[in-house]
Amino acid sequence: YRRARDTLDLILAELDEGQVIGVREEPRISEQQFGNFQTEEAMRRAKAERASFGRFYYRFPSGESALDVYSRVSSFIATMYRDAHQMSESGVLTRETSIVIVSHGLSARTFIMRWFQLSVDDFELMSNQPNASLIVLDKQANEKGDEWYQLTPESFSVLNACGQMDPEHMRVGGPPGYESERDLVARDAGRVDADDLELDG
């Protein structure tokens, strides 16, 4: 956890005070829990089992699976959308405001998985991004006012280090007439998952 805080401090040190609206610590996007007390041999065995069982569903002893992280990250996304919507309505956030999330590798990948409604197979193809790397969701728009998010080419390359991911999956919504291989739930920059928004309370 300390590593993420240290990274945030380094980012804030490079920004003027007026550029930062606020900072919040959010435990729901902390890294996957690998167990309370870890030994090198136990972790070696567990990671070998995970490689055989599958990275997404394997749960570490006294720890979490990627599915567990996915569930709490999904809840965080709903809260983030709700808070951003309220702050936009009150004029605190503008169209020029960026939301910066400082997190860990698996938490970031499950965020991308949830945001783009990716499958477990898609998740298994994603690479663990290097420390201090950036994953950027860039807002797109057309002349009709349709808006959507997509990964920048650089960010896609970071997640696709193995070269097996489909770039068509890394897009939410899009202009009318856009078709992808799967029916994506989110149709614009303002909808992630209506059910999540209702349940988040």
N, C-alpha and C. Protein backbone atom coordinates (compact mmCIF):
# COMPACT_ATOMS: atom_id res chain seq x y z
N TYR A 1 0.83 -1.20 0.00
CA TYR A 1 0.00 0.00 0.00
C TYR A 1 0.87 1.27 0.00
N ARG A 2 1.99 1.18 0.69
CA ARG A 2 2.89 2.33 0.80
C ARG A 2 3.39 2.77 -0.57
N ARG A 3 3.62 1.82 -1.45
CA ARG A 3 4.16 2.16 -2.78
C ARG A 3 3.21 3.07 -3.55
N ALA A 4 1.90 2.80 -3.46
CA ALA A 4 0.93 3.64 -4.15
C ALA A 4 0.88 5.04 -3.54
N ARG A 5 0.97 5.12 -2.22
CA ARG A 5 0.98 6.43 -1.57
C ARG A 5 2.22 7.23 -1.97
N ASP A 6 3.36 6.55 -2.00
CA ASP A 6 4.60 7.24 -2.39
C ASP A 6 4.51 7.75 -3.82
N THR A 7 3.91 6.95 -4.70
CA THR A 7 3.75 7.38 -6.10
C THR A 7 2.85 8.61 -6.17
N LEU A 8 1.76 8.60 -5.41
CA LEU A 8 0.86 9.76 -5.38
C LEU A 8 1.60 11.00 -4.91
N ASP A 9 2.40 10.87 -3.86
CA ASP A 9 3.14 12.02 -3.35
C ASP A 9 4.08 12.59 -4.41
N LEU A 10 4.70 11.73 -5.19
CA LEU A 10 5.60 12.20 -6.26
C LEU A 10 4.81 12.94 -7.34
N ILE A 11 3.61 12.45 -7.65
CA ILE A 11 2.77 13.13 -8.65
C ILE A 11 2.34 14.50 -8.15
N LEU A 12 1.86 14.54 -6.90
CA LEU A 12 1.37 15.80 -6.34
C LEU A 12 2.49 16.84 -6.25
N ALA A 13 3.71 16.38 -6.02
CA ALA A 13 4.84 17.31 -5.91
C ALA A 13 5.12 18.03 -7.22
N GLU A 14 4.67 17.46 -8.33
CA GLU A 14 4.91 18.06 -9.65
C GLU A 14 3.76 18.94 -10.11
N LEU A 15 2.68 19.01 -9.32
CA LEU A 15 1.50 19.79 -9.71
C LEU A 15 1.36 21.03 -8.84
N ASP A 16 0.80 22.08 -9.42
CA ASP A 16 0.46 23.26 -8.64
C ASP A 16 -0.78 22.96 -7.80
N GLU A 17 -0.89 23.63 -6.67
CA GLU A 17 -2.01 23.38 -5.76
C GLU A 17 -3.35 23.60 -6.45
N GLY A 18 -3.42 24.59 -7.32
CA GLY A 18 -4.68 24.89 -8.00
C GLY A 18 -5.09 23.86 -9.03
N GLN A 19 -4.18 22.94 -9.38
CA GLN A 19 -4.50 21.91 -10.37
C GLN A 19 -5.18 20.69 -9.75
N VAL A 20 -5.21 20.61 -8.44
CA VAL A 20 -5.75 19.44 -7.74
C VAL A 20 -7.03 19.83 -7.01
N ILE A 21 -8.16 19.22 -7.38
CA ILE A 21 -9.44 19.50 -6.73
C ILE A 21 -9.51 18.79 -5.38
N GLY A 22 -9.03 17.55 -5.34
CA GLY A 22 -9.08 16.79 -4.11
C GLY A 22 -8.38 15.46 -4.25
N VAL A 23 -8.10 14.84 -3.11
CA VAL A 23 -7.43 13.54 -3.07
C VAL A 23 -8.20 12.64 -2.13
N ARG A 24 -8.41 11.39 -2.53
CA ARG A 24 -9.13 10.44 -1.69
C ARG A 24 -8.41 9.11 -1.69
N GLU A 25 -8.29 8.49 -0.51
CA GLU A 25 -7.75 7.14 -0.41
C GLU A 25 -8.91 6.15 -0.50
N GLU A 26 -8.79 5.17 -1.40
CA GLU A 26 -9.89 4.25 -1.67
C GLU A 26 -9.41 2.81 -1.53
N PRO A 27 -9.76 2.12 -0.44
CA PRO A 27 -9.29 0.75 -0.22
C PRO A 27 -9.82 -0.26 -1.22
N ARG A 28 -10.91 0.07 -1.91
CA ARG A 28 -11.47 -0.90 -2.87
C ARG A 28 -10.60 -1.10 -4.10
N ILE A 29 -9.63 -0.21 -4.33
CA ILE A 29 -8.74 -0.41 -5.48
C ILE A 29 -7.32 -0.74 -5.02
N SER A 30 -7.20 -1.24 -3.79
CA SER A 30 -5.90 -1.73 -3.33
C SER A 30 -5.54 -3.01 -4.07
N GLU A 31 -4.28 -3.43 -3.96
CA GLU A 31 -3.82 -4.59 -4.71
C GLU A 31 -4.45 -5.88 -4.19
N GLN A 32 -4.41 -6.89 -5.02
CA GLN A 32 -4.90 -8.21 -4.64
C GLN A 32 -4.22 -8.68 -3.35
N GLN A 33 -5.00 -9.25 -2.45
CA GLN A 33 -4.45 -9.77 -1.20
C GLN A 33 -3.91 -11.18 -1.44
N PHE A 34 -2.63 -11.37 -1.18
CA PHE A 34 -1.98 -12.66 -1.42
C PHE A 34 -1.91 -13.54 -0.18
N GLY A 35 -2.48 -13.08 0.93
CA GLY A 35 -2.41 -13.84 2.17
C GLY A 35 -1.76 -13.01 3.26
N ASN A 36 -2.09 -13.30 4.51
CA ASN A 36 -1.61 -12.48 5.62
C ASN A 36 -0.11 -12.63 5.84
N PHE A 37 0.37 -13.86 5.87
CA PHE A 37 1.80 -14.12 6.09
C PHE A 37 2.31 -14.98 4.93
N GLN A 38 3.27 -14.44 4.19
CA GLN A 38 3.73 -15.11 2.98
C GLN A 38 5.18 -15.58 3.16
N THR A 39 5.44 -16.79 2.71
CA THR A 39 6.82 -17.27 2.64
C THR A 39 7.15 -17.47 1.17
N GLU A 40 8.41 -17.42 0.87
CA GLU A 40 8.83 -17.54 -0.53
C GLU A 40 8.38 -18.87 -1.12
N GLU A 41 8.52 -19.95 -0.38
CA GLU A 41 8.15 -21.27 -0.90
C GLU A 41 6.64 -21.37 -1.09
N ALA A 42 5.86 -20.86 -0.12
CA ALA A 42 4.40 -20.92 -0.24
C ALA A 42 3.92 -20.11 -1.44
N MET A 43 4.52 -18.96 -1.66
CA MET A 43 4.11 -18.13 -2.80
C MET A 43 4.50 -18.79 -4.11
N ARG A 44 5.64 -19.47 -4.14
CA ARG A 44 6.06 -20.16 -5.35
C ARG A 44 5.06 -21.27 -5.71
N ARG A 45 4.62 -22.02 -4.70
CA ARG A 45 3.64 -23.08 -4.93
C ARG A 45 2.29 -22.50 -5.38
N ALA A 46 1.89 -21.42 -4.70
CA ALA A 46 0.59 -20.82 -5.02
C ALA A 46 0.58 -20.26 -6.45
N LYS A 47 1.66 -19.62 -6.85
CA LYS A 47 1.70 -19.06 -8.20
C LYS A 47 1.78 -20.14 -9.26
N ALA A 48 2.40 -21.27 -8.93
CA ALA A 48 2.40 -22.40 -9.86
C ALA A 48 0.99 -22.97 -10.01
N GLU A 49 0.26 -23.05 -8.90
CA GLU A 49 -1.13 -23.51 -8.95
C GLU A 49 -1.98 -22.53 -9.76
N ARG A 50 -1.75 -21.25 -9.56
CA ARG A 50 -2.52 -20.24 -10.29
C ARG A 50 -2.29 -20.35 -11.79
N ALA A 51 -1.05 -20.59 -12.19
CA ALA A 51 -0.75 -20.74 -13.61
C ALA A 51 -1.50 -21.92 -14.22
N SER A 52 -1.69 -22.96 -13.44
CA SER A 52 -2.40 -24.14 -13.92
C SER A 52 -3.91 -23.95 -13.85
N PHE A 53 -4.39 -23.28 -12.80
CA PHE A 53 -5.82 -23.14 -12.56
C PHE A 53 -6.44 -22.02 -13.39
N GLY A 54 -5.67 -20.93 -13.60
CA GLY A 54 -6.19 -19.74 -14.27
C GLY A 54 -6.04 -18.53 -13.37
N ARG A 55 -5.55 -17.44 -13.93
CA ARG A 55 -5.22 -16.27 -13.12
C ARG A 55 -6.45 -15.58 -12.54
N PHE A 56 -7.58 -15.67 -13.20
CA PHE A 56 -8.74 -14.88 -12.77
C PHE A 56 -9.46 -15.51 -11.58
N TYR A 57 -9.67 -16.82 -11.61
CA TYR A 57 -10.48 -17.46 -10.58
C TYR A 57 -9.67 -18.04 -9.42
N TYR A 58 -8.36 -18.15 -9.57
CA TYR A 58 -7.55 -18.75 -8.51
C TYR A 58 -7.51 -17.83 -7.29
N ARG A 59 -7.84 -18.37 -6.12
CA ARG A 59 -7.79 -17.60 -4.87
C ARG A 59 -6.60 -18.05 -4.04
N PHE A 60 -5.76 -17.09 -3.67
CA PHE A 60 -4.61 -17.40 -2.82
C PHE A 60 -5.08 -17.79 -1.42
N PRO A 61 -4.41 -18.74 -0.78
CA PRO A 61 -4.77 -19.11 0.59
C PRO A 61 -4.77 -17.89 1.51
N SER A 62 -5.86 -17.69 2.23
CA SER A 62 -6.05 -16.53 3.12
C SER A 62 -5.99 -15.21 2.34
N GLY A 63 -6.18 -15.29 1.03
CA GLY A 63 -6.11 -14.09 0.20
C GLY A 63 -7.28 -13.97 -0.75
N GLU A 64 -7.04 -13.37 -1.90
CA GLU A 64 -8.10 -13.08 -2.86
C GLU A 64 -7.80 -13.69 -4.22
N SER A 65 -8.86 -13.81 -5.00
CA SER A 65 -8.73 -14.11 -6.43
C SER A 65 -8.86 -12.80 -7.20
N ALA A 66 -8.54 -12.83 -8.49
CA ALA A 66 -8.77 -11.65 -9.32
C ALA A 66 -10.26 -11.33 -9.39
N LEU A 67 -11.10 -12.36 -9.30
CA LEU A 67 -12.55 -12.14 -9.28
C LEU A 67 -12.95 -11.29 -8.07
N ASP A 68 -12.34 -11.55 -6.92
CA ASP A 68 -12.62 -10.75 -5.73
C ASP A 68 -12.25 -9.28 -5.97
N VAL A 69 -11.09 -9.05 -6.57
CA VAL A 69 -10.65 -7.69 -6.87
C VAL A 69 -11.61 -7.04 -7.86
N TYR A 70 -12.01 -7.80 -8.87
CA TYR A 70 -12.96 -7.32 -9.88
C TYR A 70 -14.26 -6.84 -9.23
N SER A 71 -14.73 -7.57 -8.24
CA SER A 71 -16.00 -7.22 -7.58
C SER A 71 -15.89 -5.89 -6.84
N ARG A 72 -14.80 -5.70 -6.10
CA ARG A 72 -14.68 -4.44 -5.36
C ARG A 72 -14.34 -3.27 -6.28
N VAL A 73 -13.59 -3.53 -7.37
CA VAL A 73 -13.32 -2.47 -8.34
C VAL A 73 -14.60 -2.05 -9.04
N SER A 74 -15.50 -3.01 -9.32
CA SER A 74 -16.78 -2.68 -9.93
C SER A 74 -17.58 -1.73 -9.05
N SER A 75 -17.58 -2.00 -7.75
CA SER A 75 -18.26 -1.11 -6.81
C SER A 75 -17.63 0.28 -6.81
N PHE A 76 -16.30 0.32 -6.89
CA PHE A 76 -15.61 1.61 -6.93
C PHE A 76 -16.00 2.41 -8.17
N ILE A 77 -16.09 1.77 -9.32
CA ILE A 77 -16.44 2.47 -10.55
C ILE A 77 -17.81 3.12 -10.43
N ALA A 78 -18.76 2.40 -9.83
CA ALA A 78 -20.09 2.96 -9.65
C ALA A 78 -20.05 4.20 -8.76
N THR A 79 -19.27 4.13 -7.67
CA THR A 79 -19.14 5.28 -6.78
C THR A 79 -18.44 6.43 -7.49
N MET A 80 -17.40 6.13 -8.24
CA MET A 80 -16.67 7.16 -8.98
C MET A 80 -17.59 7.88 -9.94
N TYR A 81 -18.41 7.13 -10.67
CA TYR A 81 -19.34 7.76 -11.61
C TYR A 81 -20.35 8.64 -10.87
N ARG A 82 -20.91 8.13 -9.78
CA ARG A 82 -21.90 8.89 -9.02
C ARG A 82 -21.31 10.19 -8.50
N ASP A 83 -20.10 10.10 -7.90
CA ASP A 83 -19.47 11.29 -7.35
C ASP A 83 -19.10 12.29 -8.45
N ALA A 84 -18.59 11.77 -9.57
CA ALA A 84 -18.22 12.66 -10.68
C ALA A 84 -19.46 13.35 -11.24
N HIS A 85 -20.56 12.62 -11.32
CA HIS A 85 -21.80 13.21 -11.83
C HIS A 85 -22.27 14.33 -10.90
N GLN A 86 -22.25 14.09 -9.59
CA GLN A 86 -22.69 15.10 -8.63
C GLN A 86 -21.78 16.32 -8.68
N MET A 87 -20.47 16.09 -8.79
CA MET A 87 -19.52 17.21 -8.83
C MET A 87 -19.64 17.98 -10.14
N SER A 88 -19.98 17.29 -11.21
CA SER A 88 -20.21 17.97 -12.49
C SER A 88 -21.45 18.84 -12.42
N GLU A 89 -22.50 18.30 -11.80
CA GLU A 89 -23.75 19.06 -11.66
C GLU A 89 -23.53 20.33 -10.83
N SER A 90 -22.64 20.26 -9.86
CA SER A 90 -22.39 21.41 -9.00
C SER A 90 -21.32 22.35 -9.57
N GLY A 91 -20.74 21.99 -10.70
CA GLY A 91 -19.75 22.85 -11.35
C GLY A 91 -18.33 22.67 -10.86
N VAL A 92 -18.09 21.69 -9.96
CA VAL A 92 -16.74 21.46 -9.47
C VAL A 92 -15.88 20.82 -10.55
N LEU A 93 -16.43 19.83 -11.24
CA LEU A 93 -15.73 19.20 -12.36
C LEU A 93 -16.17 19.84 -13.67
N THR A 94 -15.24 19.98 -14.59
CA THR A 94 -15.54 20.50 -15.92
C THR A 94 -15.12 19.47 -16.96
N ARG A 95 -15.37 19.78 -18.21
CA ARG A 95 -14.99 18.86 -19.29
C ARG A 95 -13.47 18.77 -19.44
N GLU A 96 -12.75 19.68 -18.80
CA GLU A 96 -11.29 19.66 -18.88
C GLU A 96 -10.67 18.94 -17.69
N THR A 97 -11.49 18.46 -16.74
CA THR A 97 -10.97 17.81 -15.55
C THR A 97 -10.59 16.36 -15.84
N SER A 98 -9.46 15.92 -15.33
CA SER A 98 -9.03 14.53 -15.45
C SER A 98 -9.09 13.86 -14.08
N ILE A 99 -9.48 12.60 -14.06
CA ILE A 99 -9.46 11.80 -12.84
C ILE A 99 -8.23 10.90 -12.90
N VAL A 100 -7.37 11.00 -11.92
CA VAL A 100 -6.14 10.20 -11.88
C VAL A 100 -6.29 9.16 -10.78
N ILE A 101 -6.09 7.90 -11.12
CA ILE A 101 -6.17 6.79 -10.17
C ILE A 101 -4.78 6.20 -10.01
N VAL A 102 -4.26 6.20 -8.81
CA VAL A 102 -2.96 5.59 -8.53
C VAL A 102 -3.23 4.25 -7.86
N SER A 103 -2.88 3.18 -8.53
CA SER A 103 -3.22 1.86 -8.02
C SER A 103 -2.12 0.86 -8.37
N HIS A 104 -2.45 -0.43 -8.24
CA HIS A 104 -1.51 -1.50 -8.50
C HIS A 104 -1.90 -2.25 -9.78
N GLY A 105 -1.05 -3.18 -10.18
CA GLY A 105 -1.21 -3.85 -11.46
C GLY A 105 -2.53 -4.55 -11.67
N LEU A 106 -2.88 -5.48 -10.78
CA LEU A 106 -4.10 -6.26 -10.98
C LEU A 106 -5.34 -5.39 -10.81
N SER A 107 -5.30 -4.46 -9.87
CA SER A 107 -6.45 -3.57 -9.69
C SER A 107 -6.68 -2.75 -10.95
N ALA A 108 -5.62 -2.29 -11.58
CA ALA A 108 -5.76 -1.52 -12.81
C ALA A 108 -6.31 -2.38 -13.94
N ARG A 109 -5.85 -3.62 -14.03
CA ARG A 109 -6.33 -4.49 -15.12
C ARG A 109 -7.79 -4.89 -14.92
N THR A 110 -8.20 -5.12 -13.67
CA THR A 110 -9.61 -5.45 -13.45
C THR A 110 -10.48 -4.21 -13.67
N PHE A 111 -9.94 -3.02 -13.42
CA PHE A 111 -10.67 -1.79 -13.76
C PHE A 111 -10.93 -1.75 -15.27
N ILE A 112 -9.89 -2.00 -16.05
CA ILE A 112 -10.05 -2.00 -17.51
C ILE A 112 -11.02 -3.10 -17.94
N MET A 113 -10.91 -4.25 -17.33
CA MET A 113 -11.81 -5.37 -17.65
C MET A 113 -13.26 -4.98 -17.43
N ARG A 114 -13.53 -4.35 -16.28
CA ARG A 114 -14.91 -3.97 -15.94
C ARG A 114 -15.39 -2.84 -16.82
N TRP A 115 -14.55 -1.84 -17.02
CA TRP A 115 -14.94 -0.66 -17.79
C TRP A 115 -15.33 -1.04 -19.22
N PHE A 116 -14.56 -1.92 -19.84
CA PHE A 116 -14.81 -2.29 -21.22
C PHE A 116 -15.63 -3.56 -21.36
N GLN A 117 -16.14 -4.08 -20.22
CA GLN A 117 -16.97 -5.28 -20.26
C GLN A 117 -16.24 -6.44 -20.93
N LEU A 118 -14.97 -6.62 -20.57
CA LEU A 118 -14.17 -7.67 -21.17
C LEU A 118 -14.49 -9.02 -20.54
N SER A 119 -14.21 -10.08 -21.28
CA SER A 119 -14.42 -11.43 -20.79
C SER A 119 -13.23 -11.90 -19.96
N VAL A 120 -13.41 -13.02 -19.28
CA VAL A 120 -12.29 -13.62 -18.54
C VAL A 120 -11.17 -14.00 -19.50
N ASP A 121 -11.53 -14.50 -20.68
CA ASP A 121 -10.50 -14.84 -21.67
C ASP A 121 -9.69 -13.60 -22.06
N ASP A 122 -10.36 -12.45 -22.21
CA ASP A 122 -9.65 -11.21 -22.52
C ASP A 122 -8.70 -10.85 -21.38
N PHE A 123 -9.18 -10.99 -20.15
CA PHE A 123 -8.34 -10.69 -18.99
C PHE A 123 -7.08 -11.54 -18.99
N GLU A 124 -7.23 -12.82 -19.29
CA GLU A 124 -6.08 -13.73 -19.28
C GLU A 124 -5.02 -13.33 -20.30
N LEU A 125 -5.41 -12.57 -21.32
CA LEU A 125 -4.47 -12.14 -22.35
C LEU A 125 -3.73 -10.86 -21.97
N MET A 126 -4.25 -10.14 -20.96
CA MET A 126 -3.63 -8.87 -20.58
C MET A 126 -2.31 -9.09 -19.87
N SER A 127 -1.36 -8.22 -20.16
CA SER A 127 -0.05 -8.28 -19.52
C SER A 127 -0.05 -7.42 -18.26
N ASN A 128 0.77 -7.83 -17.29
CA ASN A 128 0.95 -7.02 -16.08
C ASN A 128 1.83 -5.84 -16.43
N GLN A 129 1.29 -4.65 -16.34
CA GLN A 129 2.00 -3.47 -16.77
C GLN A 129 3.19 -3.17 -15.87
N PRO A 130 4.24 -2.55 -16.41
CA PRO A 130 5.43 -2.21 -15.60
C PRO A 130 5.08 -1.19 -14.51
N ASN A 131 5.87 -1.16 -13.45
CA ASN A 131 5.68 -0.17 -12.40
C ASN A 131 5.75 1.24 -12.97
N ALA A 132 4.88 2.12 -12.45
CA ALA A 132 4.85 3.54 -12.82
C ALA A 132 4.42 3.77 -14.27
N SER A 133 3.84 2.77 -14.90
CA SER A 133 3.34 2.97 -16.27
C SER A 133 1.97 3.64 -16.22
N LEU A 134 1.60 4.27 -17.32
CA LEU A 134 0.33 4.98 -17.42
C LEU A 134 -0.65 4.21 -18.29
N ILE A 135 -1.89 4.11 -17.82
CA ILE A 135 -2.99 3.59 -18.63
C ILE A 135 -4.00 4.71 -18.77
N VAL A 136 -4.18 5.20 -19.97
CA VAL A 136 -4.99 6.40 -20.19
C VAL A 136 -6.24 6.06 -20.98
N LEU A 137 -7.39 6.45 -20.43
CA LEU A 137 -8.65 6.38 -21.14
C LEU A 137 -8.93 7.77 -21.70
N ASP A 138 -8.98 7.87 -23.01
CA ASP A 138 -9.11 9.15 -23.69
C ASP A 138 -10.54 9.33 -24.17
N LYS A 139 -11.15 10.46 -23.81
CA LYS A 139 -12.52 10.71 -24.24
C LYS A 139 -12.53 11.12 -25.71
N GLN A 140 -13.40 10.48 -26.48
CA GLN A 140 -13.56 10.77 -27.90
C GLN A 140 -14.94 11.39 -28.12
N ALA A 141 -15.06 12.15 -29.19
CA ALA A 141 -16.35 12.75 -29.52
C ALA A 141 -16.41 13.01 -31.02
N ASN A 142 -17.62 13.04 -31.55
CA ASN A 142 -17.78 13.40 -32.96
C ASN A 142 -18.60 14.68 -33.07
N GLU A 143 -18.84 15.12 -34.29
CA GLU A 143 -19.50 16.39 -34.50
C GLU A 143 -20.97 16.38 -34.05
N LYS A 144 -21.55 15.19 -33.86
CA LYS A 144 -22.93 15.09 -33.40
C LYS A 144 -23.06 15.13 -31.88
N GLY A 145 -21.93 15.14 -31.19
CA GLY A 145 -21.97 15.19 -29.74
C GLY A 145 -21.90 13.85 -29.06
N ASP A 146 -21.76 12.76 -29.84
CA ASP A 146 -21.60 11.44 -29.24
C ASP A 146 -20.22 11.35 -28.60
N GLU A 147 -20.18 10.75 -27.41
CA GLU A 147 -18.92 10.65 -26.67
C GLU A 147 -18.67 9.22 -26.24
N TRP A 148 -17.40 8.85 -26.16
CA TRP A 148 -17.02 7.53 -25.69
C TRP A 148 -15.56 7.56 -25.24
N TYR A 149 -15.17 6.53 -24.51
CA TYR A 149 -13.79 6.41 -24.04
C TYR A 149 -13.08 5.27 -24.76
N GLN A 150 -11.81 5.45 -24.99
CA GLN A 150 -11.00 4.35 -25.50
C GLN A 150 -9.57 4.49 -25.01
N LEU A 151 -8.87 3.37 -24.96
CA LEU A 151 -7.48 3.39 -24.55
C LEU A 151 -6.63 4.10 -25.59
N THR A 152 -5.65 4.86 -25.13
CA THR A 152 -4.70 5.42 -26.08
C THR A 152 -3.86 4.27 -26.65
N PRO A 153 -3.30 4.45 -27.85
CA PRO A 153 -2.47 3.38 -28.43
C PRO A 153 -1.32 2.97 -27.52
N GLU A 154 -0.72 3.93 -26.82
CA GLU A 154 0.39 3.62 -25.91
C GLU A 154 -0.09 2.75 -24.76
N SER A 155 -1.27 3.06 -24.23
CA SER A 155 -1.81 2.29 -23.11
C SER A 155 -2.17 0.88 -23.55
N PHE A 156 -2.74 0.76 -24.74
CA PHE A 156 -3.07 -0.57 -25.25
C PHE A 156 -1.81 -1.41 -25.41
N SER A 157 -0.73 -0.79 -25.87
CA SER A 157 0.52 -1.52 -26.04
C SER A 157 1.06 -2.02 -24.71
N VAL A 158 0.89 -1.22 -23.65
CA VAL A 158 1.35 -1.63 -22.32
C VAL A 158 0.61 -2.89 -21.87
N LEU A 159 -0.71 -2.92 -22.08
CA LEU A 159 -1.52 -4.06 -21.65
C LEU A 159 -1.42 -5.24 -22.61
N ASN A 160 -0.97 -4.97 -23.82
CA ASN A 160 -0.92 -6.00 -24.85
C ASN A 160 0.52 -6.40 -25.18
N ALA A 161 1.35 -6.47 -24.15
CA ALA A 161 2.76 -6.78 -24.36
C ALA A 161 2.95 -8.14 -25.03
N CYS A 162 2.01 -9.05 -24.81
CA CYS A 162 2.10 -10.38 -25.42
C CYS A 162 1.57 -10.39 -26.85
N GLY A 163 0.92 -9.32 -27.27
CA GLY A 163 0.46 -9.19 -28.65
C GLY A 163 -0.75 -10.03 -29.01
N GLN A 164 -1.58 -10.41 -28.04
CA GLN A 164 -2.72 -11.29 -28.32
C GLN A 164 -4.08 -10.63 -28.15
N MET A 165 -4.12 -9.39 -27.67
CA MET A 165 -5.40 -8.74 -27.40
C MET A 165 -6.00 -8.12 -28.66
N ASP A 166 -7.32 -8.02 -28.69
CA ASP A 166 -8.05 -7.44 -29.80
C ASP A 166 -8.33 -5.97 -29.50
N PRO A 167 -7.79 -5.04 -30.28
CA PRO A 167 -8.01 -3.61 -29.99
C PRO A 167 -9.48 -3.21 -30.08
N GLU A 168 -10.29 -3.93 -30.82
CA GLU A 168 -11.72 -3.60 -30.93
C GLU A 168 -12.45 -3.77 -29.61
N HIS A 169 -11.87 -4.56 -28.69
CA HIS A 169 -12.51 -4.74 -27.39
C HIS A 169 -12.25 -3.56 -26.47
N MET A 170 -11.26 -2.75 -26.77
CA MET A 170 -10.85 -1.69 -25.86
C MET A 170 -11.54 -0.37 -26.20
N ARG A 171 -12.85 -0.42 -26.25
CA ARG A 171 -13.61 0.78 -26.59
C ARG A 171 -14.98 0.67 -25.95
N VAL A 172 -15.42 1.75 -25.34
CA VAL A 172 -16.75 1.78 -24.76
C VAL A 172 -17.61 2.69 -25.60
N GLY A 173 -18.74 2.17 -26.05
CA GLY A 173 -19.66 2.97 -26.83
C GLY A 173 -19.08 3.30 -28.19
N GLY A 174 -19.28 4.51 -28.65
CA GLY A 174 -18.78 4.92 -29.94
C GLY A 174 -19.87 5.62 -30.71
N PRO A 175 -19.54 6.17 -31.84
CA PRO A 175 -20.53 6.89 -32.63
C PRO A 175 -21.58 5.95 -33.18
N PRO A 176 -22.77 6.47 -33.54
CA PRO A 176 -23.82 5.62 -34.10
C PRO A 176 -23.31 4.84 -35.29
N GLY A 177 -23.67 3.58 -35.35
CA GLY A 177 -23.23 2.74 -36.45
C GLY A 177 -21.99 1.94 -36.15
N TYR A 178 -21.32 2.27 -35.03
CA TYR A 178 -20.12 1.50 -34.66
C TYR A 178 -20.53 0.10 -34.22
N GLU A 179 -19.85 -0.90 -34.72
CA GLU A 179 -20.15 -2.28 -34.37
C GLU A 179 -18.87 -2.98 -33.93
N SER A 180 -18.95 -3.72 -32.84
CA SER A 180 -17.83 -4.51 -32.38
C SER A 180 -18.26 -5.96 -32.33
N GLU A 181 -17.36 -6.84 -31.91
CA GLU A 181 -17.69 -8.26 -31.88
C GLU A 181 -18.69 -8.59 -30.78
N ARG A 182 -18.76 -7.74 -29.76
CA ARG A 182 -19.65 -8.01 -28.64
C ARG A 182 -20.51 -6.79 -28.36
N ASP A 183 -21.66 -7.02 -27.75
CA ASP A 183 -22.57 -5.93 -27.41
C ASP A 183 -22.11 -5.31 -26.10
N LEU A 184 -21.45 -4.15 -26.17
CA LEU A 184 -20.94 -3.50 -24.98
C LEU A 184 -22.09 -2.79 -24.25
N VAL A 185 -22.07 -2.90 -22.93
CA VAL A 185 -23.15 -2.32 -22.14
C VAL A 185 -23.11 -0.80 -22.14
N ALA A 186 -21.95 -0.21 -21.88
CA ALA A 186 -21.87 1.24 -21.77
C ALA A 186 -21.91 1.87 -23.15
N ARG A 187 -22.82 2.82 -23.36
CA ARG A 187 -22.99 3.42 -24.67
C ARG A 187 -22.43 4.82 -24.78
N ASP A 188 -22.00 5.41 -23.68
CA ASP A 188 -21.41 6.74 -23.76
C ASP A 188 -20.57 6.99 -22.52
N ALA A 189 -20.04 8.19 -22.42
CA ALA A 189 -19.13 8.49 -21.31
C ALA A 189 -19.84 8.58 -19.97
N GLY A 190 -21.15 8.62 -19.97
CA GLY A 190 -21.88 8.80 -18.74
C GLY A 190 -22.56 7.58 -18.18
N ARG A 191 -22.41 6.42 -18.83
CA ARG A 191 -23.05 5.20 -18.34
C ARG A 191 -22.03 4.09 -18.27
N VAL A 192 -21.86 3.52 -17.11
CA VAL A 192 -20.99 2.35 -16.95
C VAL A 192 -21.85 1.12 -16.73
N ASP A 193 -22.69 1.16 -15.73
CA ASP A 193 -23.57 0.03 -15.45
C ASP A 193 -24.71 0.53 -14.57
N ALA A 194 -25.89 0.64 -15.12
CA ALA A 194 -27.02 1.20 -14.38
C ALA A 194 -27.33 0.38 -13.13
N ASP A 195 -27.21 -0.92 -13.21
CA ASP A 195 -27.49 -1.76 -12.04
C ASP A 195 -26.51 -1.44 -10.92
N ASP A 196 -25.23 -1.28 -11.24
CA ASP A 196 -24.24 -0.93 -10.23
C ASP A 196 -24.58 0.41 -9.58
N LEU A 197 -25.00 1.38 -10.41
CA LEU A 197 -25.29 2.68 -9.87
C LEU A 197 -26.45 2.64 -8.89
N GLU A 198 -27.42 1.80 -9.15
CA GLU A 198 -28.56 1.68 -8.26
C GLU A 198 -28.18 0.95 -6.98
N LEU A 199 -27.35 -0.06 -7.09
CA LEU A 199 -27.00 -0.86 -5.92
C LEU A 199 -26.01 -0.17 -5.01
N ASP A 200 -25.25 0.78 -5.56
CA ASP A 200 -24.18 1.39 -4.78
C ASP A 200 -24.72 2.24 -3.64
N GLY A 201 -25.94 2.73 -3.79
CA GLY A 201 -26.62 3.42 -2.72
C GLY A 201 -25.99 4.71 -2.28
